[in-house]
C-alpha atoms as a PDB file:
ATOM      1  CA  UNK A   1     -18.546 -13.351  21.281  1.00  0.00           C
ATOM      2  CA  UNK A   2     -17.080 -10.566  23.384  1.00  0.00           C
ATOM      3  CA  UNK A   3     -14.505  -8.362  21.729  1.00  0.00           C
ATOM      4  CA  UNK A   4     -12.749  -5.060  22.309  1.00  0.00           C
ATOM      5  CA  UNK A   5     -11.084  -2.389  20.237  1.00  0.00           C
ATOM      6  CA  UNK A   6      -7.306  -2.308  20.741  1.00  0.00           C
ATOM      7  CA  UNK A   7      -4.073  -0.993  19.346  1.00  0.00           C
ATOM      8  CA  UNK A   8      -2.029  -3.377  17.203  1.00  0.00           C
ATOM      9  CA  UNK A   9       1.305  -4.656  18.444  1.00  0.00           C
ATOM     10  CA  UNK A  10       2.527  -6.995  15.682  1.00  0.00           C
ATOM     11  CA  UNK A  11       5.826  -7.659  17.449  1.00  0.00           C
ATOM     12  CA  UNK A  12       3.985  -9.656  20.123  1.00  0.00           C
ATOM     13  CA  UNK A  13       2.017 -11.976  17.888  1.00  0.00           C
ATOM     14  CA  UNK A  14       2.474 -14.727  15.326  1.00  0.00           C
ATOM     15  CA  UNK A  15      -0.116 -16.284  13.055  1.00  0.00           C
ATOM     16  CA  UNK A  16      -1.184 -19.867  13.539  1.00  0.00           C
ATOM     17  CA  UNK A  17      -3.341 -21.978  11.283  1.00  0.00           C
ATOM     18  CA  UNK A  18      -6.926 -21.807  12.548  1.00  0.00           C
ATOM     19  CA  UNK A  19      -9.644 -23.116  10.185  1.00  0.00           C
ATOM     20  CA  UNK A  20     -12.457 -21.223  11.905  1.00  0.00           C
ATOM     21  CA  UNK A  21     -10.946 -17.768  11.491  1.00  0.00           C
ATOM     22  CA  UNK A  22     -12.642 -14.839   9.806  1.00  0.00           C
ATOM     23  CA  UNK A  23     -10.118 -12.120  10.291  1.00  0.00           C
ATOM     24  CA  UNK A  24      -7.339 -10.039   8.844  1.00  0.00           C
ATOM     25  CA  UNK A  25      -4.337 -12.250   9.509  1.00  0.00           C
ATOM     26  CA  UNK A  26      -1.839  -9.509   8.796  1.00  0.00           C
ATOM     27  CA  UNK A  27      -2.824  -7.472  11.829  1.00  0.00           C
ATOM     28  CA  UNK A  28      -4.908  -9.954  13.815  1.00  0.00           C
ATOM     29  CA  UNK A  29      -8.073  -7.958  13.174  1.00  0.00           C
ATOM     30  CA  UNK A  30     -11.508  -9.472  13.600  1.00  0.00           C
ATOM     31  CA  UNK A  31     -13.655  -8.035  10.812  1.00  0.00           C
ATOM     32  CA  UNK A  32     -16.788  -9.996  11.586  1.00  0.00           C
ATOM     33  CA  UNK A  33     -20.425  -9.040  11.796  1.00  0.00           C
ATOM     34  CA  UNK A  34     -19.792  -6.200  14.254  1.00  0.00           C
ATOM     35  CA  UNK A  35     -17.948  -4.339  11.479  1.00  0.00           C
ATOM     36  CA  UNK A  36     -15.196  -3.173  13.801  1.00  0.00           C
ATOM     37  CA  UNK A  37     -11.523  -3.916  14.137  1.00  0.00           C
ATOM     38  CA  UNK A  38     -10.823  -5.750  17.349  1.00  0.00           C
ATOM     39  CA  UNK A  39      -8.998  -8.528  19.106  1.00  0.00           C
ATOM     40  CA  UNK A  40     -11.336 -11.292  20.144  1.00  0.00           C
ATOM     41  CA  UNK A  41     -11.235 -14.612  21.921  1.00  0.00           C
ATOM     42  CA  UNK A  42     -10.401 -17.861  20.166  1.00  0.00           C
ATOM     43  CA  UNK A  43     -11.111 -19.236  17.643  1.00  0.00           C
ATOM     44  CA  UNK A  44     -11.384 -15.863  15.853  1.00  0.00           C
ATOM     45  CA  UNK A  45      -7.927 -14.634  16.817  1.00  0.00           C
ATOM     46  CA  UNK A  46      -5.160 -16.260  14.767  1.00  0.00           C
ATOM     47  CA  UNK A  47      -2.296 -14.833  16.788  1.00  0.00           C
ATOM     48  CA  UNK A  48      -0.302 -16.322  19.640  1.00  0.00           C
ATOM     49  CA  UNK A  49       2.436 -14.687  21.640  1.00  0.00           C
ATOM     50  CA  UNK A  50       5.807 -16.021  20.428  1.00  0.00           C
ATOM     51  CA  UNK A  51       8.098 -13.134  19.518  1.00  0.00           C
ATOM     52  CA  UNK A  52       8.899 -14.105  15.894  1.00  0.00           C
ATOM     53  CA  UNK A  53       6.948 -13.390  12.716  1.00  0.00           C
ATOM     54  CA  UNK A  54       6.063 -16.311  10.460  1.00  0.00           C
ATOM     55  CA  UNK A  55       4.015 -16.914   7.344  1.00  0.00           C
ATOM     56  CA  UNK A  56       3.933 -13.293   6.218  1.00  0.00           C
ATOM     57  CA  UNK A  57       2.497 -14.173   2.814  1.00  0.00           C
ATOM     58  CA  UNK A  58      -0.576 -15.700   4.455  1.00  0.00           C
ATOM     59  CA  UNK A  59      -0.998 -12.644   6.653  1.00  0.00           C
ATOM     60  CA  UNK A  60      -0.642 -10.368   3.647  1.00  0.00           C
ATOM     61  CA  UNK A  61      -3.285 -12.207   1.683  1.00  0.00           C
ATOM     62  CA  UNK A  62      -5.686 -11.775   4.598  1.00  0.00           C
ATOM     63  CA  UNK A  63      -4.762  -8.089   4.868  1.00  0.00           C
ATOM     64  CA  UNK A  64      -5.616  -7.551   1.233  1.00  0.00           C
ATOM     65  CA  UNK A  65      -8.855  -9.501   1.493  1.00  0.00           C
ATOM     66  CA  UNK A  66     -10.097  -7.399   4.400  1.00  0.00           C
ATOM     67  CA  UNK A  67      -8.138  -4.229   3.697  1.00  0.00           C
ATOM     68  CA  UNK A  68      -9.755  -0.864   4.158  1.00  0.00           C
ATOM     69  CA  UNK A  69      -8.830   2.543   2.739  1.00  0.00           C
ATOM     70  CA  UNK A  70      -5.866   3.054   0.442  1.00  0.00           C
ATOM     71  CA  UNK A  71      -4.667   6.633   0.876  1.00  0.00           C
ATOM     72  CA  UNK A  72      -2.188   7.760  -1.770  1.00  0.00           C
ATOM     73  CA  UNK A  73       0.227  10.664  -1.969  1.00  0.00           C
ATOM     74  CA  UNK A  74       1.114  12.427  -5.208  1.00  0.00           C
ATOM     75  CA  UNK A  75       4.391  14.165  -6.053  1.00  0.00           C
ATOM     76  CA  UNK A  76       6.206  13.308  -2.819  1.00  0.00           C
ATOM     77  CA  UNK A  77       9.586  13.112  -4.584  1.00  0.00           C
ATOM     78  CA  UNK A  78      10.853  16.279  -6.252  1.00  0.00           C
ATOM     79  CA  UNK A  79      12.414  14.394  -9.170  1.00  0.00           C
ATOM     80  CA  UNK A  80       9.142  12.650  -9.996  1.00  0.00           C
ATOM     81  CA  UNK A  81       7.177  15.903  -9.958  1.00  0.00           C
ATOM     82  CA  UNK A  82       9.738  17.440 -12.278  1.00  0.00           C
ATOM     83  CA  UNK A  83       9.817  14.498 -14.721  1.00  0.00           C
ATOM     84  CA  UNK A  84       6.068  14.908 -15.252  1.00  0.00           C
ATOM     85  CA  UNK A  85       6.318  18.686 -15.495  1.00  0.00           C
ATOM     86  CA  UNK A  86       4.462  19.426 -12.265  1.00  0.00           C
ATOM     87  CA  UNK A  87       5.175  21.919  -9.514  1.00  0.00           C
ATOM     88  CA  UNK A  88       6.444  20.593  -6.200  1.00  0.00           C
ATOM     89  CA  UNK A  89       3.508  20.693  -3.752  1.00  0.00           C
ATOM     90  CA  UNK A  90       3.630  22.819  -0.615  1.00  0.00           C
ATOM     91  CA  UNK A  91       1.561  20.299   1.335  1.00  0.00           C
ATOM     92  CA  UNK A  92       0.790  16.591   0.837  1.00  0.00           C
ATOM     93  CA  UNK A  93      -1.374  15.877  -2.198  1.00  0.00           C
ATOM     94  CA  UNK A  94      -3.785  13.110  -1.176  1.00  0.00           C
ATOM     95  CA  UNK A  95      -6.111  10.896  -3.192  1.00  0.00           C
ATOM     96  CA  UNK A  96      -7.695   7.464  -2.724  1.00  0.00           C
ATOM     97  CA  UNK A  97      -7.864   3.992  -4.201  1.00  0.00           C
ATOM     98  CA  UNK A  98     -10.603   1.477  -3.307  1.00  0.00           C
ATOM     99  CA  UNK A  99      -9.663  -1.851  -1.658  1.00  0.00           C
ATOM    100  CA  UNK A 100     -10.669  -3.607  -4.899  1.00  0.00           C
ATOM    101  CA  UNK A 101      -7.430  -2.227  -6.384  1.00  0.00           C
ATOM    102  CA  UNK A 102      -5.342  -4.731  -4.386  1.00  0.00           C
ATOM    103  CA  UNK A 103      -3.529  -7.709  -5.875  1.00  0.00           C
ATOM    104  CA  UNK A 104      -0.777  -9.878  -4.431  1.00  0.00           C
ATOM    105  CA  UNK A 105       1.985 -11.989  -5.953  1.00  0.00           C
ATOM    106  CA  UNK A 106       0.570 -14.726  -8.153  1.00  0.00           C
ATOM    107  CA  UNK A 107      -2.018 -12.387  -9.655  1.00  0.00           C
ATOM    108  CA  UNK A 108      -1.661 -10.255 -12.771  1.00  0.00           C
ATOM    109  CA  UNK A 109      -1.737  -6.530 -13.384  1.00  0.00           C
ATOM    110  CA  UNK A 110      -4.578  -6.016 -15.850  1.00  0.00           C
ATOM    111  CA  UNK A 111      -4.413  -3.185 -18.376  1.00  0.00           C
ATOM    112  CA  UNK A 112      -7.915  -1.661 -18.348  1.00  0.00           C
ATOM    113  CA  UNK A 113      -9.955  -1.639 -21.516  1.00  0.00           C
ATOM    114  CA  UNK A 114      -9.289   1.612 -23.360  1.00  0.00           C
ATOM    115  CA  UNK A 115      -6.028   2.318 -21.532  1.00  0.00           C
ATOM    116  CA  UNK A 116      -3.265   3.264 -23.953  1.00  0.00           C
ATOM    117  CA  UNK A 117      -0.526   4.204 -21.465  1.00  0.00           C
ATOM    118  CA  UNK A 118      -0.239   2.236 -18.221  1.00  0.00           C
ATOM    119  CA  UNK A 119       2.676   3.346 -16.015  1.00  0.00           C
ATOM    120  CA  UNK A 120       4.351   1.674 -13.038  1.00  0.00           C
ATOM    121  CA  UNK A 121       5.135   3.670  -9.880  1.00  0.00           C
ATOM    122  CA  UNK A 122       6.962   1.888  -7.043  1.00  0.00           C
ATOM    123  CA  UNK A 123       6.141   3.136  -3.548  1.00  0.00           C
ATOM    124  CA  UNK A 124       6.630   2.411   0.133  1.00  0.00           C
ATOM    125  CA  UNK A 125       3.331   1.444   1.717  1.00  0.00           C
ATOM    126  CA  UNK A 126       2.629   2.121   5.389  1.00  0.00           C
ATOM    127  CA  UNK A 127       0.145  -0.215   7.092  1.00  0.00           C
ATOM    128  CA  UNK A 128      -1.907   1.425   9.831  1.00  0.00           C
ATOM    129  CA  UNK A 129      -2.191  -0.509  13.091  1.00  0.00           C
ATOM    130  CA  UNK A 130      -4.258   1.769  15.323  1.00  0.00           C
ATOM    131  CA  UNK A 131      -7.391   3.828  14.918  1.00  0.00           C
ATOM    132  CA  UNK A 132      -6.778   7.559  15.105  1.00  0.00           C
ATOM    133  CA  UNK A 133      -7.681  10.997  13.822  1.00  0.00           C
ATOM    134  CA  UNK A 134      -5.945  14.365  14.081  1.00  0.00           C
ATOM    135  CA  UNK A 135      -2.713  12.500  14.800  1.00  0.00           C
ATOM    136  CA  UNK A 136       0.278  14.657  15.661  1.00  0.00           C
ATOM    137  CA  UNK A 137       3.411  14.062  13.601  1.00  0.00           C
ATOM    138  CA  UNK A 138       5.532  13.376  16.671  1.00  0.00           C
ATOM    139  CA  UNK A 139       3.216  10.487  17.641  1.00  0.00           C
ATOM    140  CA  UNK A 140       2.455   9.209  14.141  1.00  0.00           C
ATOM    141  CA  UNK A 141       4.807   6.220  14.074  1.00  0.00           C
ATOM    142  CA  UNK A 142       2.967   4.794  17.090  1.00  0.00           C
ATOM    143  CA  UNK A 143       0.080   4.208  14.673  1.00  0.00           C
ATOM    144  CA  UNK A 144       2.174   2.199  12.197  1.00  0.00           C
ATOM    145  CA  UNK A 145       2.013  -1.604  12.172  1.00  0.00           C
ATOM    146  CA  UNK A 146       4.430  -2.200   9.321  1.00  0.00           C
ATOM    147  CA  UNK A 147       5.415  -1.581   5.733  1.00  0.00           C
ATOM    148  CA  UNK A 148       5.027  -3.100   2.260  1.00  0.00           C
ATOM    149  CA  UNK A 149       6.450  -2.441  -1.167  1.00  0.00           C
ATOM    150  CA  UNK A 150       3.623  -1.390  -3.459  1.00  0.00           C
ATOM    151  CA  UNK A 151       2.949  -0.271  -7.014  1.00  0.00           C
ATOM    152  CA  UNK A 152       0.646   2.594  -7.928  1.00  0.00           C
ATOM    153  CA  UNK A 153      -0.356   1.579 -11.445  1.00  0.00           C
ATOM    154  CA  UNK A 154      -1.565   4.602 -13.384  1.00  0.00           C
ATOM    155  CA  UNK A 155      -3.499   5.182 -16.597  1.00  0.00           C
ATOM    156  CA  UNK A 156      -1.274   8.124 -17.488  1.00  0.00           C
ATOM    157  CA  UNK A 157      -3.236   9.393 -20.472  1.00  0.00           C
ATOM    158  CA  UNK A 158      -6.490   9.383 -18.521  1.00  0.00           C
ATOM    159  CA  UNK A 159      -4.770  11.075 -15.585  1.00  0.00           C
ATOM    160  CA  UNK A 160      -3.562  13.879 -17.853  1.00  0.00           C
ATOM    161  CA  UNK A 161      -7.070  14.304 -19.239  1.00  0.00           C
ATOM    162  CA  UNK A 162      -8.522  14.501 -15.728  1.00  0.00           C
ATOM    163  CA  UNK A 163      -5.902  17.023 -14.646  1.00  0.00           C
ATOM    164  CA  UNK A 164      -6.538  19.205 -17.697  1.00  0.00           C
ATOM    165  CA  UNK A 165     -10.257  19.310 -16.874  1.00  0.00           C
ATOM    166  CA  UNK A 166      -9.768  19.806 -13.139  1.00  0.00           C
ATOM    167  CA  UNK A 167     -11.307  16.405 -12.397  1.00  0.00           C
ATOM    168  CA  UNK A 168     -10.356  13.851  -9.704  1.00  0.00           C
ATOM    169  CA  UNK A 169      -7.761  11.192 -10.577  1.00  0.00           C
ATOM    170  CA  UNK A 170      -9.512   8.130  -9.176  1.00  0.00           C
ATOM    171  CA  UNK A 171     -10.545   6.681 -12.551  1.00  0.00           C
ATOM    172  CA  UNK A 172      -6.898   6.775 -13.630  1.00  0.00           C
ATOM    173  CA  UNK A 173      -5.528   5.465 -10.331  1.00  0.00           C
ATOM    174  CA  UNK A 174      -8.155   3.296  -8.657  1.00  0.00           C
ATOM    175  CA  UNK A 175      -9.067   0.654 -11.221  1.00  0.00           C
ATOM    176  CA  UNK A 176      -8.972  -3.069 -10.405  1.00  0.00           C
ATOM    177  CA  UNK A 177      -5.388  -4.421  -9.969  1.00  0.00           C
ATOM    178  CA  UNK A 178      -3.939  -0.894  -9.704  1.00  0.00           C
ATOM    179  CA  UNK A 179      -2.404  -1.555  -6.268  1.00  0.00           C
ATOM    180  CA  UNK A 180      -0.085  -4.589  -6.343  1.00  0.00           C
ATOM    181  CA  UNK A 181       1.532  -5.112  -2.936  1.00  0.00           C
ATOM    182  CA  UNK A 182       4.397  -7.166  -1.558  1.00  0.00           C
ATOM    183  CA  UNK A 183       5.053  -8.949   1.706  1.00  0.00           C
ATOM    184  CA  UNK A 184       4.248  -7.318   5.023  1.00  0.00           C
ATOM    185  CA  UNK A 185       7.251  -6.061   6.995  1.00  0.00           C
ATOM    186  CA  UNK A 186       6.583  -5.628  10.733  1.00  0.00           C
ATOM    187  CA  UNK A 187       7.550  -2.179  11.952  1.00  0.00           C
ATOM    188  CA  UNK A 188      10.188  -3.671  14.238  1.00  0.00           C
ATOM    189  CA  UNK A 189      12.021  -5.195  11.263  1.00  0.00           C
ATOM    190  CA  UNK A 190      12.597  -1.769   9.664  1.00  0.00           C
ATOM    191  CA  UNK A 191      15.039   0.351  11.651  1.00  0.00           C
ATOM    192  CA  UNK A 192      14.476   3.514   9.602  1.00  0.00           C
ATOM    193  CA  UNK A 193      11.687   3.709   6.994  1.00  0.00           C
ATOM    194  CA  UNK A 194      13.319   6.847   5.594  1.00  0.00           C
ATOM    195  CA  UNK A 195      16.515   4.971   4.723  1.00  0.00           C
ATOM    196  CA  UNK A 196      15.075   2.254   2.478  1.00  0.00           C
ATOM    197  CA  UNK A 197      15.935   1.723  -1.179  1.00  0.00           C
ATOM    198  CA  UNK A 198      12.935   1.122  -3.415  1.00  0.00           C
ATOM    199  CA  UNK A 199      13.399  -0.356  -6.858  1.00  0.00           C
ATOM    200  CA  UNK A 200      11.329  -1.445  -9.846  1.00  0.00           C
ATOM    201  CA  UNK A 201      12.296  -3.484 -12.905  1.00  0.00           C
ATOM    202  CA  UNK A 202      10.377  -4.274 -16.080  1.00  0.00           C
ATOM    203  CA  UNK A 203      11.486  -7.407 -17.947  1.00  0.00           C
ATOM    204  CA  UNK A 204      14.685  -7.348 -15.883  1.00  0.00           C
ATOM    205  CA  UNK A 205      15.549  -3.752 -16.809  1.00  0.00           C
ATOM    206  CA  UNK A 206      15.997  -1.298 -13.940  1.00  0.00           C
ATOM    207  CA  UNK A 207      13.432   1.506 -14.167  1.00  0.00           C
ATOM    208  CA  UNK A 208      13.365   2.990 -10.672  1.00  0.00           C
ATOM    209  CA  UNK A 209      15.831   2.920  -7.771  1.00  0.00           C
ATOM    210  CA  UNK A 210      15.687   5.595  -5.093  1.00  0.00           C
ATOM    211  CA  UNK A 211      16.023   6.039  -1.354  1.00  0.00           C
ATOM    212  CA  UNK A 212      13.008   6.958   0.720  1.00  0.00           C
ATOM    213  CA  UNK A 213      15.240   9.652   2.230  1.00  0.00           C
ATOM    214  CA  UNK A 214      14.280  11.750  -0.819  1.00  0.00           C
ATOM    215  CA  UNK A 215      10.640  12.069   0.276  1.00  0.00           C
ATOM    216  CA  UNK A 216       9.469  15.675   0.422  1.00  0.00           C
ATOM    217  CA  UNK A 217       7.104  14.881   3.309  1.00  0.00           C
ATOM    218  CA  UNK A 218       8.006  12.301   5.943  1.00  0.00           C
ATOM    219  CA  UNK A 219       5.778   9.406   6.924  1.00  0.00           C
ATOM    220  CA  UNK A 220       4.958  11.267  10.132  1.00  0.00           C
ATOM    221  CA  UNK A 221       3.901  14.371   8.191  1.00  0.00           C
ATOM    222  CA  UNK A 222       1.831  12.291   5.772  1.00  0.00           C
ATOM    223  CA  UNK A 223      -0.018  10.502   8.571  1.00  0.00           C
ATOM    224  CA  UNK A 224      -0.679  13.825  10.263  1.00  0.00           C
ATOM    225  CA  UNK A 225      -2.068  15.298   7.029  1.00  0.00           C
ATOM    226  CA  UNK A 226      -4.164  12.238   6.173  1.00  0.00           C
ATOM    227  CA  UNK A 227      -5.628  11.855   9.665  1.00  0.00           C
ATOM    228  CA  UNK A 228      -6.634  15.520   9.706  1.00  0.00           C
ATOM    229  CA  UNK A 229      -9.289  14.612   7.128  1.00  0.00           C
ATOM    230  CA  UNK A 230      -9.796  10.853   7.384  1.00  0.00           C
ATOM    231  CA  UNK A 231     -10.057   8.713  10.495  1.00  0.00           C
ATOM    232  CA  UNK A 232      -7.315   6.112  10.117  1.00  0.00           C
ATOM    233  CA  UNK A 233      -8.271   2.532  10.928  1.00  0.00           C
ATOM    234  CA  UNK A 234      -6.299  -0.687  11.432  1.00  0.00           C
ATOM    235  CA  UNK A 235      -5.716  -2.190   8.008  1.00  0.00           C
ATOM    236  CA  UNK A 236      -5.610   1.109   6.118  1.00  0.00           C
ATOM    237  CA  UNK A 237      -2.689   1.526   3.722  1.00  0.00           C
ATOM    238  CA  UNK A 238      -0.848   4.779   3.069  1.00  0.00           C
ATOM    239  CA  UNK A 239       1.138   4.909  -0.179  1.00  0.00           C
ATOM    240  CA  UNK A 240       3.911   7.462   0.274  1.00  0.00           C
ATOM    241  CA  UNK A 241       4.580   8.505  -3.327  1.00  0.00           C
ATOM    242  CA  UNK A 242       6.918   7.374  -6.072  1.00  0.00           C
ATOM    243  CA  UNK A 243      10.407   8.517  -7.055  1.00  0.00           C
ATOM    244  CA  UNK A 244      11.401   9.311 -10.635  1.00  0.00           C
ATOM    245  CA  UNK A 245      11.801   6.729 -13.374  1.00  0.00           C
ATOM    246  CA  UNK A 246       8.155   5.851 -13.926  1.00  0.00           C
ATOM    247  CA  UNK A 247       7.382   4.361 -17.297  1.00  0.00           C
ATOM    248  CA  UNK A 248       4.979   2.304 -19.383  1.00  0.00           C
ATOM    249  CA  UNK A 249       4.222  -1.401 -19.231  1.00  0.00           C
ATOM    250  CA  UNK A 250       2.543  -3.520 -21.873  1.00  0.00           C
ATOM    251  CA  UNK A 251       0.804  -6.867 -22.054  1.00  0.00           C
ATOM    252  CA  UNK A 252       3.380  -9.636 -21.729  1.00  0.00           C
ATOM    253  CA  UNK A 253       5.736  -7.588 -19.537  1.00  0.00           C
ATOM    254  CA  UNK A 254       6.834  -8.690 -16.073  1.00  0.00           C
ATOM    255  CA  UNK A 255       7.079  -6.052 -13.347  1.00  0.00           C
ATOM    256  CA  UNK A 256       9.284  -6.680 -10.315  1.00  0.00           C
ATOM    257  CA  UNK A 257       9.449  -4.402  -7.289  1.00  0.00           C
ATOM    258  CA  UNK A 258      11.239  -4.557  -3.980  1.00  0.00           C
ATOM    259  CA  UNK A 259      12.891  -2.963  -0.996  1.00  0.00           C
ATOM    260  CA  UNK A 260      16.603  -3.719  -0.792  1.00  0.00           C
ATOM    261  CA  UNK A 261      17.245  -6.164   2.021  1.00  0.00           C
ATOM    262  CA  UNK A 262      13.536  -6.813   2.537  1.00  0.00           C
ATOM    263  CA  UNK A 263      12.428  -8.915  -0.420  1.00  0.00           C
ATOM    264  CA  UNK A 264      10.703  -8.430  -3.744  1.00  0.00           C
ATOM    265  CA  UNK A 265       7.567  -9.349  -5.679  1.00  0.00           C
ATOM    266  CA  UNK A 266       6.791 -10.125  -9.304  1.00  0.00           C
ATOM    267  CA  UNK A 267       3.675  -9.392 -11.372  1.00  0.00           C
ATOM    268  CA  UNK A 268       2.918 -10.317 -14.995  1.00  0.00           C
ATOM    269  CA  UNK A 269       0.983  -7.788 -17.062  1.00  0.00           C
ATOM    270  CA  UNK A 270      -2.076  -8.772 -19.091  1.00  0.00           C
ATOM    271  CA  UNK A 271      -4.595  -6.940 -21.247  1.00  0.00           C
ATOM    272  CA  UNK A 272      -8.131  -6.901 -19.926  1.00  0.00           C
ATOM    273  CA  UNK A 273     -10.361  -8.787 -22.328  1.00  0.00           C
ATOM    274  CA  UNK A 274     -12.952  -6.884 -24.386  1.00  0.00           C
ATOM    275  CA  UNK A 275     -16.536  -6.973 -23.205  1.00  0.00           C
ATOM    276  CA  UNK A 276     -18.507  -9.803 -24.745  1.00  0.00           C
END
């Protein structure tokens, strides 16, 4: 089947139910045997031109299933850096999570075996819609397909141990279920991503509530920094950092997160079972 690489324009497409699809419904990406992101002829494409977005939960579940890189940003809110006793970075602090970290609503956050201090961190996620590298900040938003609320679940004790030894953080940040995500918001539905209010509650108690206007580095600056090292691809997710108020969760807790005016998600917390 012929196909071609293309930029993503989510405002022009809507998902339809197509049994024979094998694609990322969130962005209309064919991720078939060619291993590339592309639009392709029916029946692979599940998008039709209509002008309104429908069935975002279905599209999100497909995005997670075929998601690619998860690029994370540390200490992008001054207050969060200070609450953990860290210096404010002079340039974006980047690290990665694998796609196996994803979960969506209806699944549980699992506390890893041996983890004694699992923290929640609510973040704005930026979904990449176009392939690009060495992207200039002034053009960066052209590469954005949309946004999601996300949680960067963190084994805090293990992270501190890694930091003390000068080791990477991935074991503390990239475990299974460490990246719960909410519903996809098309870029056109968000007038200003730097004027959103993120919030997180645990068992109904407010833990975090901050505006994205407090980011130290803008989304444009983050995409520029990330693409200087990593080629960005459609379906990649950029987590833009968490504000202050992070705290622990335990088995039996319920974590809720949202963006004011744009919905919320809910995740129960469970303890991973011991090895048999």
